[in-house]
PDB file of N, CA and C in Angstrom:
ATOM      1  N   UNK A   1     129.292-209.275 184.655  1.00  0.00           N
ATOM      2  CA  UNK A   1     129.961-208.426 184.995  1.00  0.00           C
ATOM      3  C   UNK A   1     129.878-206.988 185.222  1.00  0.00           C
ATOM      4  N   UNK A   2     130.314-206.253 186.014  1.00  0.00           N
ATOM      5  CA  UNK A   2     130.057-204.974 186.223  1.00  0.00           C
ATOM      6  C   UNK A   2     130.936-203.910 185.715  1.00  0.00           C
ATOM      7  N   UNK A   3     132.037-204.368 185.109  1.00  0.00           N
ATOM      8  CA  UNK A   3     132.943-203.757 184.653  1.00  0.00           C
ATOM      9  C   UNK A   3     134.017-202.925 185.527  1.00  0.00           C
ATOM     10  N   UNK A   4     134.054-203.611 186.544  1.00  0.00           N
ATOM     11  CA  UNK A   4     135.052-203.187 187.726  1.00  0.00           C
ATOM     12  C   UNK A   4     136.393-203.727 187.331  1.00  0.00           C
ATOM     13  N   UNK A   5     137.606-202.609 187.267  1.00  0.00           N
ATOM     14  CA  UNK A   5     138.786-203.113 187.049  1.00  0.00           C
ATOM     15  C   UNK A   5     139.808-202.934 188.146  1.00  0.00           C
ATOM     16  N   UNK A   6     140.670-204.075 188.235  1.00  0.00           N
ATOM     17  CA  UNK A   6     141.969-204.069 189.187  1.00  0.00           C
ATOM     18  C   UNK A   6     142.953-203.868 188.661  1.00  0.00           C
ATOM     19  N   UNK A   7     143.911-203.046 189.193  1.00  0.00           N
ATOM     20  CA  UNK A   7     145.116-202.750 188.365  1.00  0.00           C
ATOM     21  C   UNK A   7     146.131-202.828 189.484  1.00  0.00           C
ATOM     22  N   UNK A   8     147.120-203.696 189.367  1.00  0.00           N
ATOM     23  CA  UNK A   8     148.050-203.804 190.599  1.00  0.00           C
ATOM     24  C   UNK A   8     149.309-202.870 190.138  1.00  0.00           C
ATOM     25  N   UNK A   9     149.758-201.855 190.847  1.00  0.00           N
ATOM     26  CA  UNK A   9     150.941-201.011 190.334  1.00  0.00           C
ATOM     27  C   UNK A   9     152.171-201.611 190.927  1.00  0.00           C
ATOM     28  N   UNK A  10     153.110-201.749 190.458  1.00  0.00           N
ATOM     29  CA  UNK A  10     154.285-202.019 190.989  1.00  0.00           C
ATOM     30  C   UNK A  10     155.348-200.989 191.943  1.00  0.00           C
ATOM     31  N   UNK A  11     155.374-201.360 193.210  1.00  0.00           N
ATOM     32  CA  UNK A  11     155.685-200.709 194.236  1.00  0.00           C
ATOM     33  C   UNK A  11     154.817-199.495 194.441  1.00  0.00           C
ATOM     34  N   UNK A  12     153.543-199.920 194.428  1.00  0.00           N
ATOM     35  CA  UNK A  12     152.713-198.911 194.672  1.00  0.00           C
ATOM     36  C   UNK A  12     151.364-199.538 195.172  1.00  0.00           C
ATOM     37  N   UNK A  13     150.189-198.945 194.703  1.00  0.00           N
ATOM     38  CA  UNK A  13     148.817-199.289 195.273  1.00  0.00           C
ATOM     39  C   UNK A  13     148.287-200.275 194.412  1.00  0.00           C
ATOM     40  N   UNK A  14     147.001-200.754 194.703  1.00  0.00           N
ATOM     41  CA  UNK A  14     145.993-201.532 193.814  1.00  0.00           C
ATOM     42  C   UNK A  14     145.090-200.538 193.579  1.00  0.00           C
ATOM     43  N   UNK A  15     144.790-200.271 192.240  1.00  0.00           N
ATOM     44  CA  UNK A  15     143.886-199.338 191.624  1.00  0.00           C
ATOM     45  C   UNK A  15     142.373-199.822 191.409  1.00  0.00           C
ATOM     46  N   UNK A  16     141.420-199.553 191.936  1.00  0.00           N
ATOM     47  CA  UNK A  16     140.093-200.452 191.488  1.00  0.00           C
ATOM     48  C   UNK A  16     139.292-199.580 191.252  1.00  0.00           C
ATOM     49  N   UNK A  17     138.383-199.784 189.882  1.00  0.00           N
ATOM     50  CA  UNK A  17     137.466-198.734 189.540  1.00  0.00           C
ATOM     51  C   UNK A  17     136.462-198.534 190.633  1.00  0.00           C
ATOM     52  N   UNK A  18     136.102-197.585 190.850  1.00  0.00           N
ATOM     53  CA  UNK A  18     135.041-197.266 191.999  1.00  0.00           C
ATOM     54  C   UNK A  18     133.519-197.340 191.537  1.00  0.00           C
ATOM     55  N   UNK A  19     132.726-197.191 192.374  1.00  0.00           N
ATOM     56  CA  UNK A  19     132.721-197.145 193.797  1.00  0.00           C
ATOM     57  C   UNK A  19     133.023-198.505 194.456  1.00  0.00           C
ATOM     58  N   UNK A  20     133.691-198.308 195.659  1.00  0.00           N
ATOM     59  CA  UNK A  20     133.905-199.637 196.357  1.00  0.00           C
ATOM     60  C   UNK A  20     133.387-199.861 197.818  1.00  0.00           C
ATOM     61  N   UNK A  21     133.577-200.863 198.451  1.00  0.00           N
ATOM     62  CA  UNK A  21     133.120-201.005 199.838  1.00  0.00           C
ATOM     63  C   UNK A  21     134.168-202.212 200.241  1.00  0.00           C
ATOM     64  N   UNK A  22     134.926-201.722 201.495  1.00  0.00           N
ATOM     65  CA  UNK A  22     136.044-202.465 201.844  1.00  0.00           C
ATOM     66  C   UNK A  22     135.638-202.905 203.232  1.00  0.00           C
ATOM     67  N   UNK A  23     135.538-204.210 203.498  1.00  0.00           N
ATOM     68  CA  UNK A  23     135.289-204.923 204.926  1.00  0.00           C
ATOM     69  C   UNK A  23     136.752-205.230 205.441  1.00  0.00           C
ATOM     70  N   UNK A  24     136.990-204.660 206.233  1.00  0.00           N
ATOM     71  CA  UNK A  24     138.157-204.624 207.229  1.00  0.00           C
ATOM     72  C   UNK A  24     137.932-206.041 208.298  1.00  0.00           C
ATOM     73  N   UNK A  25     138.931-206.554 208.420  1.00  0.00           N
ATOM     74  CA  UNK A  25     139.151-207.666 209.400  1.00  0.00           C
ATOM     75  C   UNK A  25     138.369-207.513 210.805  1.00  0.00           C
ATOM     76  N   UNK A  26     138.428-206.342 211.502  1.00  0.00           N
ATOM     77  CA  UNK A  26     138.055-206.145 212.669  1.00  0.00           C
ATOM     78  C   UNK A  26     136.277-205.580 212.597  1.00  0.00           C
ATOM     79  N   UNK A  27     135.736-205.672 210.932  1.00  0.00           N
ATOM     80  CA  UNK A  27     134.608-205.436 210.886  1.00  0.00           C
ATOM     81  C   UNK A  27     134.044-204.006 210.225  1.00  0.00           C
ATOM     82  N   UNK A  28     135.110-203.128 210.544  1.00  0.00           N
ATOM     83  CA  UNK A  28     134.769-201.796 210.050  1.00  0.00           C
ATOM     84  C   UNK A  28     134.506-201.673 208.501  1.00  0.00           C
ATOM     85  N   UNK A  29     133.761-200.751 207.983  1.00  0.00           N
ATOM     86  CA  UNK A  29     133.514-200.948 206.698  1.00  0.00           C
ATOM     87  C   UNK A  29     133.933-199.402 206.133  1.00  0.00           C
ATOM     88  N   UNK A  30     134.817-199.515 204.992  1.00  0.00           N
ATOM     89  CA  UNK A  30     135.386-198.067 204.340  1.00  0.00           C
ATOM     90  C   UNK A  30     134.647-198.002 202.923  1.00  0.00           C
ATOM     91  N   UNK A  31     134.122-196.951 202.619  1.00  0.00           N
ATOM     92  CA  UNK A  31     133.368-197.002 201.340  1.00  0.00           C
ATOM     93  C   UNK A  31     134.171-195.659 200.710  1.00  0.00           C
ATOM     94  N   UNK A  32     133.958-195.793 199.247  1.00  0.00           N
ATOM     95  CA  UNK A  32     134.252-194.646 198.598  1.00  0.00           C
ATOM     96  C   UNK A  32     133.468-194.858 197.344  1.00  0.00           C
ATOM     97  N   UNK A  33     132.842-193.630 196.869  1.00  0.00           N
ATOM     98  CA  UNK A  33     132.322-193.449 195.652  1.00  0.00           C
ATOM     99  C   UNK A  33     133.000-192.792 194.519  1.00  0.00           C
ATOM    100  N   UNK A  34     134.327-192.741 194.739  1.00  0.00           N
ATOM    101  CA  UNK A  34     135.234-192.112 193.651  1.00  0.00           C
ATOM    102  C   UNK A  34     135.181-193.118 192.369  1.00  0.00           C
ATOM    103  N   UNK A  35     135.643-192.476 191.512  1.00  0.00           N
ATOM    104  CA  UNK A  35     135.799-193.266 189.956  1.00  0.00           C
ATOM    105  C   UNK A  35     136.752-194.133 189.985  1.00  0.00           C
ATOM    106  N   UNK A  36     138.086-193.955 190.925  1.00  0.00           N
ATOM    107  CA  UNK A  36     139.201-195.009 190.650  1.00  0.00           C
ATOM    108  C   UNK A  36     139.502-194.733 192.363  1.00  0.00           C
ATOM    109  N   UNK A  37     139.727-195.767 193.132  1.00  0.00           N
ATOM    110  CA  UNK A  37     140.334-195.779 194.404  1.00  0.00           C
ATOM    111  C   UNK A  37     141.414-196.514 194.385  1.00  0.00           C
ATOM    112  N   UNK A  38     142.578-196.179 195.164  1.00  0.00           N
ATOM    113  CA  UNK A  38     143.685-196.637 195.446  1.00  0.00           C
ATOM    114  C   UNK A  38     143.796-197.250 196.560  1.00  0.00           C
ATOM    115  N   UNK A  39     144.108-198.667 196.540  1.00  0.00           N
ATOM    116  CA  UNK A  39     144.109-199.088 197.917  1.00  0.00           C
ATOM    117  C   UNK A  39     145.274-199.714 198.089  1.00  0.00           C
ATOM    118  N   UNK A  40     145.929-199.151 199.641  1.00  0.00           N
ATOM    119  CA  UNK A  40     147.196-199.211 199.960  1.00  0.00           C
ATOM    120  C   UNK A  40     147.587-200.684 200.096  1.00  0.00           C
ATOM    121  N   UNK A  41     149.043-200.775 199.829  1.00  0.00           N
ATOM    122  CA  UNK A  41     149.743-202.172 199.973  1.00  0.00           C
ATOM    123  C   UNK A  41     150.729-202.336 200.787  1.00  0.00           C
ATOM    124  N   UNK A  42     151.127-200.949 201.422  1.00  0.00           N
ATOM    125  CA  UNK A  42     152.423-200.703 202.206  1.00  0.00           C
ATOM    126  C   UNK A  42     152.252-200.697 203.517  1.00  0.00           C
ATOM    127  N   UNK A  43     150.909-200.343 203.930  1.00  0.00           N
ATOM    128  CA  UNK A  43     150.428-200.312 205.193  1.00  0.00           C
ATOM    129  C   UNK A  43     150.709-199.123 205.921  1.00  0.00           C
ATOM    130  N   UNK A  44     151.477-198.465 205.413  1.00  0.00           N
ATOM    131  CA  UNK A  44     151.940-196.988 205.739  1.00  0.00           C
ATOM    132  C   UNK A  44     151.334-195.535 205.632  1.00  0.00           C
ATOM    133  N   UNK A  45     150.076-196.059 205.132  1.00  0.00           N
ATOM    134  CA  UNK A  45     149.207-194.681 204.728  1.00  0.00           C
ATOM    135  C   UNK A  45     148.461-194.576 206.285  1.00  0.00           C
ATOM    136  N   UNK A  46     148.031-192.846 206.132  1.00  0.00           N
ATOM    137  CA  UNK A  46     147.451-192.545 207.492  1.00  0.00           C
ATOM    138  C   UNK A  46     146.126-192.679 207.125  1.00  0.00           C
ATOM    139  N   UNK A  47     145.751-192.961 205.970  1.00  0.00           N
ATOM    140  CA  UNK A  47     144.283-193.161 205.548  1.00  0.00           C
ATOM    141  C   UNK A  47     143.759-194.678 205.140  1.00  0.00           C
ATOM    142  N   UNK A  48     144.886-195.365 205.774  1.00  0.00           N
ATOM    143  CA  UNK A  48     144.618-196.919 205.281  1.00  0.00           C
ATOM    144  C   UNK A  48     143.033-197.348 205.628  1.00  0.00           C
ATOM    145  N   UNK A  49     142.511-198.250 204.592  1.00  0.00           N
ATOM    146  CA  UNK A  49     143.073-198.924 203.676  1.00  0.00           C
ATOM    147  C   UNK A  49     143.134-198.144 202.256  1.00  0.00           C
ATOM    148  N   UNK A  50     143.051-197.000 202.393  1.00  0.00           N
ATOM    149  CA  UNK A  50     143.288-196.185 201.284  1.00  0.00           C
ATOM    150  C   UNK A  50     144.597-195.666 201.130  1.00  0.00           C
ATOM    151  N   UNK A  51     145.237-195.261 199.871  1.00  0.00           N
ATOM    152  CA  UNK A  51     146.150-194.842 199.680  1.00  0.00           C
ATOM    153  C   UNK A  51     146.801-193.534 199.721  1.00  0.00           C
ATOM    154  N   UNK A  52     147.447-192.861 200.607  1.00  0.00           N
ATOM    155  CA  UNK A  52     147.809-191.475 200.631  1.00  0.00           C
ATOM    156  C   UNK A  52     149.319-191.268 199.987  1.00  0.00           C
ATOM    157  N   UNK A  53     149.651-192.095 199.476  1.00  0.00           N
ATOM    158  CA  UNK A  53     151.116-192.061 198.598  1.00  0.00           C
ATOM    159  C   UNK A  53     152.355-192.366 199.665  1.00  0.00           C
ATOM    160  N   UNK A  54     152.270-192.812 200.707  1.00  0.00           N
ATOM    161  CA  UNK A  54     153.154-192.758 201.723  1.00  0.00           C
ATOM    162  C   UNK A  54     154.068-193.686 200.765  1.00  0.00           C
ATOM    163  N   UNK A  55     153.883-194.876 200.352  1.00  0.00           N
ATOM    164  CA  UNK A  55     154.883-195.679 199.601  1.00  0.00           C
ATOM    165  C   UNK A  55     156.034-194.998 198.579  1.00  0.00           C
ATOM    166  N   UNK A  56     155.899-193.506 198.178  1.00  0.00           N
ATOM    167  CA  UNK A  56     156.905-192.959 197.547  1.00  0.00           C
ATOM    168  C   UNK A  56     158.061-192.898 198.623  1.00  0.00           C
ATOM    169  N   UNK A  57     157.710-192.560 199.943  1.00  0.00           N
ATOM    170  CA  UNK A  57     158.891-192.007 200.844  1.00  0.00           C
ATOM    171  C   UNK A  57     159.481-193.223 201.604  1.00  0.00           C
ATOM    172  N   UNK A  58     158.898-194.477 201.103  1.00  0.00           N
ATOM    173  CA  UNK A  58     159.546-195.592 201.739  1.00  0.00           C
ATOM    174  C   UNK A  58     160.158-196.424 200.582  1.00  0.00           C
ATOM    175  N   UNK A  59     161.315-197.326 201.027  1.00  0.00           N
ATOM    176  CA  UNK A  59     161.552-198.081 200.205  1.00  0.00           C
ATOM    177  C   UNK A  59     161.082-199.583 200.446  1.00  0.00           C
ATOM    178  N   UNK A  60     160.757-200.305 199.749  1.00  0.00           N
ATOM    179  CA  UNK A  60     160.534-201.706 199.871  1.00  0.00           C
ATOM    180  C   UNK A  60     161.675-202.662 199.902  1.00  0.00           C
ATOM    181  N   UNK A  61     161.661-203.928 200.414  1.00  0.00           N
ATOM    182  CA  UNK A  61     162.672-204.702 200.312  1.00  0.00           C
ATOM    183  C   UNK A  61     162.137-205.642 199.238  1.00  0.00           C
ATOM    184  N   UNK A  62     163.151-206.159 198.465  1.00  0.00           N
ATOM    185  CA  UNK A  62     162.756-207.178 197.579  1.00  0.00           C
ATOM    186  C   UNK A  62     162.323-208.515 198.133  1.00  0.00           C
ATOM    187  N   UNK A  63     161.279-209.005 197.812  1.00  0.00           N
ATOM    188  CA  UNK A  63     160.823-209.969 198.377  1.00  0.00           C
ATOM    189  C   UNK A  63     161.111-211.504 197.306  1.00  0.00           C
TER     190      UNK A  63
END
């Protein structure tokens, strides 16, 4: 195990200890060498798939 840590933040992003490489469904690859990366779960981020805190301005409906 490489020591990677994944944390799900309630009503927020998924935090992953970096660096990360994200392969999108269309084949596009997003890479980040930051020590902590926030992955968007609301799909409102202008930097999607990376979180830009857009979830703070929007209310989620309970599922």
